[in-house]
Amino acid sequence: MFGTIGHIRVRDGHEPALNELMEDWSVAIRPRVPGSFLQLYGRSVDRPGETVFVALAENEATYRQLAELPEQDAWYRRLLEHIEREPEWEDVELDYAGE
């Protein structure tokens, strides 16, 4: 799988809006991504106030296709309204070693 790990700091009082934005992504954008996709987000244990999210597509081509969707860009611009600064990004290629 290929994707990104993002680190953000949510503005005070914007947590409900961020949760709604994540739900909007699942409904409006996720169906446009072919194949498997994993989306996780939560709070960092070691960095108080930081939210971490992981977004993984089944391969790099699919991930890049998602990144180029106008709807994804519009969603990202809405995200910026709720965070203190630009996200820190870490692109990753990961393998799943499940049971």
N, C-alpha and C. Protein backbone atom coordinates (compact mmCIF):
# COMPACT_ATOMS: atom_id res chain seq x y z
N MET A 1 0.85 -1.17 0.00
CA MET A 1 0.00 0.00 0.00
C MET A 1 0.90 1.23 0.00
N PHE A 2 0.38 2.31 -0.58
CA PHE A 2 1.13 3.57 -0.65
C PHE A 2 0.23 4.70 -0.17
N GLY A 3 0.83 5.62 0.58
CA GLY A 3 0.04 6.75 1.06
C GLY A 3 0.87 7.71 1.87
N THR A 4 0.21 8.28 2.86
CA THR A 4 0.87 9.30 3.65
C THR A 4 0.48 9.20 5.12
N ILE A 5 1.38 9.65 5.95
CA ILE A 5 1.10 9.88 7.36
C ILE A 5 1.16 11.39 7.54
N GLY A 6 0.11 11.96 8.08
CA GLY A 6 0.05 13.39 8.28
C GLY A 6 -0.03 13.73 9.75
N HIS A 7 0.57 14.84 10.10
CA HIS A 7 0.54 15.35 11.48
C HIS A 7 -0.05 16.75 11.44
N ILE A 8 -1.12 16.97 12.22
CA ILE A 8 -1.76 18.28 12.24
C ILE A 8 -2.04 18.71 13.67
N ARG A 9 -2.21 20.00 13.85
CA ARG A 9 -2.66 20.57 15.12
C ARG A 9 -3.99 21.27 14.85
N VAL A 10 -5.03 20.73 15.45
CA VAL A 10 -6.38 21.25 15.25
C VAL A 10 -6.55 22.54 16.07
N ARG A 11 -7.16 23.53 15.45
CA ARG A 11 -7.44 24.79 16.16
C ARG A 11 -8.39 24.51 17.32
N ASP A 12 -8.24 25.27 18.39
CA ASP A 12 -9.13 25.13 19.54
C ASP A 12 -10.58 25.26 19.10
N GLY A 13 -11.39 24.32 19.54
CA GLY A 13 -12.81 24.35 19.24
C GLY A 13 -13.20 23.80 17.87
N HIS A 14 -12.22 23.36 17.08
CA HIS A 14 -12.50 22.89 15.73
C HIS A 14 -12.58 21.37 15.61
N GLU A 15 -12.43 20.66 16.71
CA GLU A 15 -12.45 19.19 16.67
C GLU A 15 -13.76 18.64 16.07
N PRO A 16 -14.93 19.17 16.48
CA PRO A 16 -16.18 18.65 15.86
C PRO A 16 -16.20 18.88 14.35
N ALA A 17 -15.73 20.03 13.90
CA ALA A 17 -15.71 20.31 12.46
C ALA A 17 -14.75 19.37 11.75
N LEU A 18 -13.62 19.05 12.37
CA LEU A 18 -12.66 18.12 11.78
C LEU A 18 -13.29 16.73 11.64
N ASN A 19 -13.98 16.28 12.68
CA ASN A 19 -14.65 14.97 12.62
C ASN A 19 -15.68 14.94 11.50
N GLU A 20 -16.42 16.02 11.35
CA GLU A 20 -17.41 16.10 10.26
C GLU A 20 -16.72 16.08 8.90
N LEU A 21 -15.60 16.77 8.80
CA LEU A 21 -14.85 16.81 7.54
C LEU A 21 -14.35 15.41 7.18
N MET A 22 -13.89 14.66 8.16
CA MET A 22 -13.43 13.29 7.91
C MET A 22 -14.59 12.41 7.43
N GLU A 23 -15.75 12.59 8.03
CA GLU A 23 -16.94 11.84 7.59
C GLU A 23 -17.31 12.23 6.17
N ASP A 24 -17.25 13.54 5.87
CA ASP A 24 -17.55 14.00 4.51
C ASP A 24 -16.63 13.33 3.49
N TRP A 25 -15.35 13.20 3.85
CA TRP A 25 -14.39 12.56 2.94
C TRP A 25 -14.82 11.13 2.65
N SER A 26 -15.21 10.42 3.70
CA SER A 26 -15.60 9.02 3.54
C SER A 26 -16.80 8.86 2.62
N VAL A 27 -17.71 9.81 2.65
CA VAL A 27 -18.93 9.73 1.86
C VAL A 27 -18.73 10.28 0.44
N ALA A 28 -18.05 11.42 0.32
CA ALA A 28 -17.98 12.12 -0.96
C ALA A 28 -16.77 11.74 -1.83
N ILE A 29 -15.65 11.42 -1.19
CA ILE A 29 -14.42 11.20 -1.97
C ILE A 29 -14.01 9.73 -1.98
N ARG A 30 -14.10 9.04 -0.88
CA ARG A 30 -13.67 7.64 -0.81
C ARG A 30 -14.26 6.78 -1.92
N PRO A 31 -15.55 6.92 -2.25
CA PRO A 31 -16.10 6.08 -3.31
C PRO A 31 -15.44 6.28 -4.68
N ARG A 32 -14.72 7.37 -4.87
CA ARG A 32 -14.04 7.64 -6.14
C ARG A 32 -12.68 6.94 -6.22
N VAL A 33 -12.20 6.39 -5.11
CA VAL A 33 -10.90 5.75 -5.07
C VAL A 33 -11.09 4.25 -5.32
N PRO A 34 -10.55 3.73 -6.43
CA PRO A 34 -10.74 2.31 -6.71
C PRO A 34 -9.91 1.44 -5.76
N GLY A 35 -10.42 0.27 -5.50
CA GLY A 35 -9.67 -0.71 -4.72
C GLY A 35 -9.65 -0.42 -3.23
N SER A 36 -8.70 -1.07 -2.57
CA SER A 36 -8.58 -0.95 -1.13
C SER A 36 -8.06 0.41 -0.73
N PHE A 37 -8.56 0.91 0.40
CA PHE A 37 -8.08 2.17 0.94
C PHE A 37 -8.26 2.12 2.44
N LEU A 38 -7.24 2.57 3.15
CA LEU A 38 -7.27 2.60 4.61
C LEU A 38 -7.14 4.03 5.08
N GLN A 39 -8.06 4.46 5.93
CA GLN A 39 -8.02 5.81 6.49
C GLN A 39 -8.16 5.70 8.00
N LEU A 40 -7.17 6.21 8.72
CA LEU A 40 -7.19 6.21 10.18
C LEU A 40 -6.80 7.60 10.68
N TYR A 41 -7.37 8.02 11.79
CA TYR A 41 -6.88 9.23 12.43
C TYR A 41 -7.15 9.17 13.92
N GLY A 42 -6.31 9.86 14.66
CA GLY A 42 -6.43 9.87 16.11
C GLY A 42 -5.38 10.78 16.71
N ARG A 43 -5.27 10.76 18.01
CA ARG A 43 -4.37 11.65 18.73
C ARG A 43 -3.01 11.00 18.98
N SER A 44 -1.97 11.81 18.89
CA SER A 44 -0.62 11.34 19.21
C SER A 44 -0.50 11.17 20.72
N VAL A 45 0.12 10.10 21.13
CA VAL A 45 0.35 9.84 22.55
C VAL A 45 1.52 10.67 23.06
N ASP A 46 2.54 10.83 22.22
CA ASP A 46 3.77 11.51 22.65
C ASP A 46 3.77 13.01 22.39
N ARG A 47 2.85 13.49 21.57
CA ARG A 47 2.81 14.93 21.24
C ARG A 47 1.42 15.47 21.54
N PRO A 48 1.19 15.96 22.76
CA PRO A 48 -0.13 16.48 23.11
C PRO A 48 -0.60 17.56 22.13
N GLY A 49 -1.86 17.48 21.77
CA GLY A 49 -2.44 18.46 20.85
C GLY A 49 -2.26 18.13 19.39
N GLU A 50 -1.56 17.05 19.09
CA GLU A 50 -1.33 16.69 17.69
C GLU A 50 -2.25 15.54 17.28
N THR A 51 -2.82 15.68 16.09
CA THR A 51 -3.63 14.63 15.49
C THR A 51 -2.81 14.01 14.37
N VAL A 52 -2.88 12.69 14.29
CA VAL A 52 -2.15 11.95 13.27
C VAL A 52 -3.17 11.24 12.39
N PHE A 53 -2.95 11.26 11.08
CA PHE A 53 -3.81 10.48 10.21
C PHE A 53 -2.96 9.70 9.22
N VAL A 54 -3.50 8.56 8.85
CA VAL A 54 -2.86 7.67 7.89
C VAL A 54 -3.85 7.45 6.75
N ALA A 55 -3.41 7.64 5.54
CA ALA A 55 -4.24 7.42 4.36
C ALA A 55 -3.44 6.56 3.39
N LEU A 56 -3.92 5.34 3.13
CA LEU A 56 -3.19 4.39 2.29
C LEU A 56 -4.08 3.84 1.18
N ALA A 57 -3.63 4.01 -0.04
CA ALA A 57 -4.29 3.41 -1.20
C ALA A 57 -3.59 2.09 -1.52
N GLU A 58 -4.20 1.29 -2.38
CA GLU A 58 -3.60 -0.02 -2.66
C GLU A 58 -2.29 0.06 -3.42
N ASN A 59 -2.04 1.20 -4.11
CA ASN A 59 -0.75 1.37 -4.79
C ASN A 59 -0.50 2.86 -5.02
N GLU A 60 0.70 3.19 -5.45
CA GLU A 60 1.08 4.59 -5.61
C GLU A 60 0.28 5.27 -6.72
N ALA A 61 0.02 4.57 -7.81
CA ALA A 61 -0.73 5.18 -8.91
C ALA A 61 -2.13 5.60 -8.45
N THR A 62 -2.78 4.75 -7.69
CA THR A 62 -4.11 5.08 -7.17
C THR A 62 -4.04 6.27 -6.21
N TYR A 63 -3.04 6.27 -5.36
CA TYR A 63 -2.86 7.38 -4.42
C TYR A 63 -2.67 8.70 -5.17
N ARG A 64 -1.83 8.69 -6.19
CA ARG A 64 -1.57 9.91 -6.97
C ARG A 64 -2.83 10.35 -7.72
N GLN A 65 -3.60 9.39 -8.20
CA GLN A 65 -4.86 9.70 -8.87
C GLN A 65 -5.81 10.42 -7.90
N LEU A 66 -5.89 9.93 -6.67
CA LEU A 66 -6.71 10.58 -5.64
C LEU A 66 -6.23 12.00 -5.40
N ALA A 67 -4.93 12.17 -5.28
CA ALA A 67 -4.36 13.49 -4.97
C ALA A 67 -4.68 14.53 -6.05
N GLU A 68 -4.92 14.07 -7.27
CA GLU A 68 -5.19 14.99 -8.37
C GLU A 68 -6.68 15.30 -8.57
N LEU A 69 -7.55 14.66 -7.81
CA LEU A 69 -8.98 14.94 -7.93
C LEU A 69 -9.29 16.36 -7.46
N PRO A 70 -10.06 17.14 -8.22
CA PRO A 70 -10.44 18.48 -7.76
C PRO A 70 -11.20 18.44 -6.43
N GLU A 71 -11.98 17.38 -6.21
CA GLU A 71 -12.72 17.24 -4.96
C GLU A 71 -11.77 17.05 -3.78
N GLN A 72 -10.68 16.34 -4.00
CA GLN A 72 -9.69 16.15 -2.94
C GLN A 72 -9.02 17.47 -2.60
N ASP A 73 -8.69 18.26 -3.61
CA ASP A 73 -8.08 19.57 -3.37
C ASP A 73 -9.04 20.47 -2.59
N ALA A 74 -10.32 20.48 -2.96
CA ALA A 74 -11.31 21.29 -2.25
C ALA A 74 -11.44 20.83 -0.80
N TRP A 75 -11.42 19.52 -0.58
CA TRP A 75 -11.49 18.98 0.78
C TRP A 75 -10.28 19.43 1.59
N TYR A 76 -9.10 19.36 0.98
CA TYR A 76 -7.87 19.76 1.67
C TYR A 76 -7.92 21.24 2.06
N ARG A 77 -8.44 22.06 1.19
CA ARG A 77 -8.55 23.49 1.50
C ARG A 77 -9.51 23.73 2.67
N ARG A 78 -10.54 22.92 2.78
CA ARG A 78 -11.44 23.00 3.94
C ARG A 78 -10.71 22.55 5.20
N LEU A 79 -9.88 21.51 5.08
CA LEU A 79 -9.09 21.05 6.22
C LEU A 79 -8.22 22.17 6.77
N LEU A 80 -7.59 22.94 5.90
CA LEU A 80 -6.69 24.02 6.32
C LEU A 80 -7.39 25.05 7.20
N GLU A 81 -8.70 25.20 7.05
CA GLU A 81 -9.46 26.14 7.87
C GLU A 81 -9.52 25.72 9.33
N HIS A 82 -9.28 24.45 9.61
CA HIS A 82 -9.47 23.91 10.95
C HIS A 82 -8.17 23.55 11.67
N ILE A 83 -7.04 23.81 11.02
CA ILE A 83 -5.77 23.46 11.64
C ILE A 83 -4.88 24.69 11.76
N GLU A 84 -3.92 24.62 12.68
CA GLU A 84 -3.08 25.77 12.99
C GLU A 84 -2.07 26.11 11.90
N ARG A 85 -1.57 25.09 11.21
CA ARG A 85 -0.56 25.31 10.16
C ARG A 85 -0.63 24.14 9.17
N GLU A 86 0.11 24.26 8.09
CA GLU A 86 0.17 23.19 7.10
C GLU A 86 0.51 21.86 7.78
N PRO A 87 -0.07 20.77 7.31
CA PRO A 87 0.28 19.46 7.87
C PRO A 87 1.74 19.10 7.59
N GLU A 88 2.30 18.27 8.44
CA GLU A 88 3.60 17.66 8.17
C GLU A 88 3.29 16.32 7.49
N TRP A 89 3.89 16.07 6.33
CA TRP A 89 3.60 14.89 5.55
C TRP A 89 4.77 13.91 5.54
N GLU A 90 4.45 12.66 5.52
CA GLU A 90 5.45 11.61 5.36
C GLU A 90 4.85 10.56 4.42
N ASP A 91 5.29 10.55 3.16
CA ASP A 91 4.81 9.53 2.23
C ASP A 91 5.45 8.19 2.60
N VAL A 92 4.62 7.14 2.52
CA VAL A 92 5.07 5.82 2.94
C VAL A 92 4.60 4.74 1.99
N GLU A 93 5.38 3.67 1.92
CA GLU A 93 4.97 2.45 1.24
C GLU A 93 4.99 1.37 2.31
N LEU A 94 3.84 0.78 2.58
CA LEU A 94 3.71 -0.16 3.68
C LEU A 94 3.13 -1.48 3.19
N ASP A 95 3.52 -2.54 3.86
CA ASP A 95 2.97 -3.86 3.61
C ASP A 95 2.06 -4.23 4.78
N TYR A 96 1.04 -4.98 4.50
CA TYR A 96 0.11 -5.44 5.54
C TYR A 96 0.52 -6.84 5.96
N ALA A 97 0.75 -7.00 7.25
CA ALA A 97 1.13 -8.31 7.79
C ALA A 97 0.08 -8.74 8.79
N GLY A 98 -1.15 -8.96 8.33
CA GLY A 98 -2.25 -9.33 9.21
C GLY A 98 -2.26 -10.81 9.54
N GLU A 99 -3.24 -11.15 10.31
CA GLU A 99 -3.38 -12.55 10.74
C GLU A 99 -3.96 -13.40 9.66
